[in-house]
Protein backbone atom coordinates (compact mmCIF):
# COMPACT_ATOMS: atom_id res chain seq x y z
CA MET A 1 58.07 102.16 42.95
CA THR A 2 60.87 99.44 43.85
CA VAL A 3 61.73 96.65 41.61
CA TRP A 4 62.26 93.17 44.21
CA CYS A 5 64.13 90.05 43.79
CA ALA A 6 63.37 87.14 45.18
CA LEU A 7 65.19 84.22 45.74
CA LEU A 8 63.46 81.25 47.34
CA ARG A 9 64.37 78.34 48.79
CA GLY A 10 63.08 74.74 48.61
CA ILE A 11 61.52 74.54 44.96
CA THR A 12 61.86 71.99 42.95
CA PRO A 13 60.90 72.49 39.55
CA SER A 14 59.31 68.97 38.64
CA ASN A 15 56.94 70.08 42.00
CA PRO A 16 53.51 71.33 39.98
CA ALA A 17 52.63 73.82 42.40
CA MET A 18 56.19 75.36 42.47
CA ARG A 19 55.97 75.67 38.80
CA GLY A 20 56.39 79.92 37.11
CA GLU A 21 52.39 79.89 36.45
CA ARG A 22 51.82 79.46 40.31
CA LEU A 23 54.76 81.31 41.55
CA ARG A 24 53.91 84.16 39.37
CA GLY A 25 50.01 83.86 40.51
CA VAL A 26 51.36 84.43 44.33
CA PHE A 27 53.26 87.50 43.75
CA VAL A 28 50.32 88.58 41.46
CA ASP A 29 47.84 88.32 43.98
CA LEU A 30 49.99 89.97 46.84
CA GLY A 31 49.34 93.20 44.55
CA PHE A 32 52.91 93.31 43.14
CA SER A 33 53.29 93.82 39.09
CA ASP A 34 55.46 93.11 36.30
CA VAL A 35 56.02 90.08 37.89
CA ALA A 36 58.00 87.68 35.61
CA THR A 37 59.95 84.20 36.91
CA VAL A 38 63.58 83.41 35.89
CA LEU A 39 64.87 79.73 35.58
CA GLY A 40 62.91 77.00 37.08
CA SER A 41 64.44 77.43 40.53
CA GLY A 42 62.62 79.97 42.30
CA ASN A 43 64.02 83.11 41.60
CA VAL A 44 60.82 86.00 40.49
CA VAL A 45 61.62 89.41 39.89
CA PHE A 46 58.54 92.01 40.46
CA ARG A 47 57.59 95.84 41.39
CA ALA A 48 56.39 96.84 44.98
CA GLU A 49 54.42 100.37 45.72
CA GLY A 50 54.88 101.37 48.60
CA THR A 51 57.76 101.73 51.56
CA ALA A 52 57.54 98.25 53.00
CA SER A 53 61.18 96.82 54.19
CA ALA A 54 62.83 93.62 52.76
CA ALA A 55 61.75 91.89 56.21
CA GLU A 56 58.06 92.67 55.54
CA GLN A 57 58.05 91.97 51.89
CA GLU A 58 60.15 88.84 52.82
CA ALA A 59 57.08 87.60 55.24
CA ARG A 60 53.99 88.59 53.36
CA ILE A 61 55.76 86.99 50.55
CA GLN A 62 56.49 83.49 52.59
CA ALA A 63 53.21 83.55 54.28
CA ALA A 64 51.14 83.84 50.87
CA LEU A 65 53.20 81.15 49.45
CA HIS A 66 52.70 78.93 52.16
CA ASP A 67 48.90 79.00 52.58
CA GLN A 68 48.85 78.99 48.62
CA LEU A 69 51.24 76.62 47.36
CA GLY A 70 52.54 74.84 51.00
CA ILE A 71 56.20 75.43 50.22
CA GLY A 72 58.04 76.53 53.08
CA GLY A 73 61.40 76.98 52.27
CA GLY A 74 62.40 80.31 52.89
CA THR A 75 62.42 83.87 50.60
CA VAL A 76 65.34 86.27 50.49
CA LEU A 77 65.03 89.60 49.02
CA ARG A 78 67.34 92.18 47.29
CA THR A 79 66.94 94.85 45.41
CA ARG A 80 67.40 95.18 41.38
CA GLU A 81 69.87 98.09 42.54
CA ALA A 82 72.05 95.61 44.81
CA LEU A 83 71.92 92.67 42.53
CA SER A 84 72.90 94.74 39.61
CA GLY A 85 75.52 96.92 41.51
CA LEU A 86 77.13 93.69 42.60
CA ALA A 87 77.31 92.69 38.67
CA ALA A 88 78.45 95.86 37.68
CA ARG A 89 81.78 95.30 40.32
CA ARG A 90 82.36 91.51 38.83
CA PRO A 91 83.16 90.11 41.78
CA PHE A 92 84.54 87.20 40.07
CA GLY A 93 86.89 88.94 37.77
CA ASP A 94 87.88 86.83 34.32
CA ARG A 95 86.89 83.62 35.70
CA GLU A 96 83.90 81.93 33.91
CA HIS A 97 81.04 79.26 35.41
CA GLY A 98 81.26 76.43 33.70
CA LYS A 99 80.78 72.36 34.49
CA ALA A 100 83.58 72.09 36.12
CA THR A 101 83.78 75.08 38.30
CA TYR A 102 80.93 76.89 39.63
CA LEU A 103 81.14 80.51 40.40
CA THR A 104 78.31 80.83 43.39
CA VAL A 105 76.51 83.64 45.48
CA THR A 106 75.05 82.72 48.60
CA PHE A 107 72.74 85.77 49.53
CA LEU A 108 71.97 85.93 53.72
CA LYS A 109 68.73 86.88 54.81
CA GLU A 110 69.96 88.85 57.41
CA PRO A 111 73.73 89.37 56.79
CA PRO A 112 75.38 90.25 60.38
CA ALA A 113 76.16 93.24 61.79
CA GLU A 114 79.69 92.64 61.08
CA MET A 115 81.15 90.18 59.09
CA PRO A 116 84.38 88.04 60.44
CA ASP A 117 87.52 89.25 58.70
CA PRO A 118 89.21 86.94 57.99
CA LEU A 119 85.85 84.65 56.78
CA PRO A 120 85.95 81.38 57.73
CA VAL A 121 88.04 78.91 55.93
CA PRO A 122 85.65 76.13 54.39
CA GLU A 123 86.57 72.53 54.58
CA SER A 124 86.99 71.76 52.12
CA SER A 125 90.27 72.76 49.40
CA ALA A 126 87.63 72.10 46.49
CA VAL A 127 86.00 75.59 47.89
CA GLU A 128 87.95 78.83 47.57
CA LEU A 129 85.70 81.49 49.35
CA LEU A 130 85.92 84.64 47.65
CA GLY A 131 84.73 87.62 49.77
CA TRP A 132 81.47 89.15 51.35
CA ASP A 133 79.88 91.73 49.13
CA ASP A 134 77.87 94.26 51.71
CA GLU A 135 76.08 96.06 49.12
CA ALA A 136 74.34 92.52 48.10
CA GLY A 137 74.62 90.48 51.20
CA ALA A 138 76.32 87.98 49.17
CA LEU A 139 79.28 85.47 50.03
CA LEU A 140 81.48 84.66 46.53
CA SER A 141 82.57 81.49 46.14
CA VAL A 142 84.40 79.35 43.58
CA VAL A 143 83.69 75.60 43.91
CA ASP A 144 85.91 72.78 41.66
CA THR A 145 83.17 70.20 41.55
CA THR A 146 84.92 67.62 39.91
CA GLY A 147 85.41 65.97 43.27
CA THR A 148 83.07 64.57 45.82
CA GLU A 149 83.66 67.20 48.55
CA THR A 150 81.17 70.04 47.59
CA LEU A 151 78.47 68.26 48.82
CA ASP A 152 79.36 69.66 51.91
CA HIS A 153 80.06 73.21 51.01
CA MET A 154 75.97 73.81 51.68
CA ARG A 155 76.20 72.09 55.74
CA TRP A 156 79.21 74.47 55.90
CA LEU A 157 77.94 77.65 54.88
CA GLU A 158 74.63 76.42 57.12
CA ARG A 159 76.66 75.76 60.09
CA HIS A 160 79.01 79.39 59.66
CA PHE A 161 76.01 81.58 58.44
CA GLY A 162 72.36 80.04 59.91
CA ARG A 163 70.00 78.71 57.38
CA ASP A 164 68.30 81.82 56.31
CA ILE A 165 70.86 81.35 53.09
CA THR A 166 69.51 80.75 49.21
CA THR A 167 72.86 80.38 46.68
CA ARG A 168 72.58 80.77 43.15
CA THR A 169 75.28 80.55 40.05
CA TRP A 170 76.80 83.87 38.59
CA ASN A 171 75.17 83.01 35.62
CA THR A 172 71.87 83.05 37.44
CA VAL A 173 72.39 86.60 39.44
CA ARG A 174 73.42 87.51 35.61
CA ARG A 175 69.49 86.22 34.13
CA ILE A 176 67.56 87.63 37.07
CA VAL A 177 69.46 90.84 36.63
CA ALA A 178 68.67 91.13 32.79
CA LYS A 179 64.66 90.01 33.59
CA CYS A 180 64.21 93.13 36.44
CA PRO A 181 62.12 95.57 34.71
CA ALA A 182 63.51 98.74 34.46
CA ASP A 183 62.71 101.88 35.30
C-alpha cells in the first residue's frame, strides 16, 4: 500500500464544490483509504492499494475531480516518502518562511529527464532559485514578497518548466507530511 500526497491545481476554497469534504468524497469514491485534506488549498493525502503508477493515479483522480466536481485544474502526486525525504533534507537550511520571505516548493508533474545545469535565472531579483530536488521532483525558491515583481514568478516558472506544475509554501509541505498516515 502506498501513501500518496495529491497536490491539486485550480482549487478555490470559497467554492463549495471544492471544499475539503467534497474533495475527500471524490478520493473515497475512487477506493482510496485514510483520506484527509490539508488546509483549504487542494492538498489531499490518502492510501492506495495496488501498483498503479503516479501517472495512472493522477489521471484517475483528475478525471473524477472533473466529472464529479467540475474541477479542471491539475493533479500532481508525490509519495509520502518523497515529501518526508525532502523535509528531512531541510533544503532551506535555517531560513524561515514569513510574510516578507516565502519559501516555496514548485512540483513538476513530469520532471525533465535532465534538469538544466545551471538552472535558469529568474527574471525578478525578488526570487532566488535555490535548486532542484530530484527525489521530490521540485524546484526550491525563496521569494521576497515586499515588492511587486513576485507576481510574474509563477508565469516565469510556467514558461520555463511548463503548465503542469504546482507550488506550495514550505510550511504547507511540512503540514502535508505531518498529516500523512503512518504505515
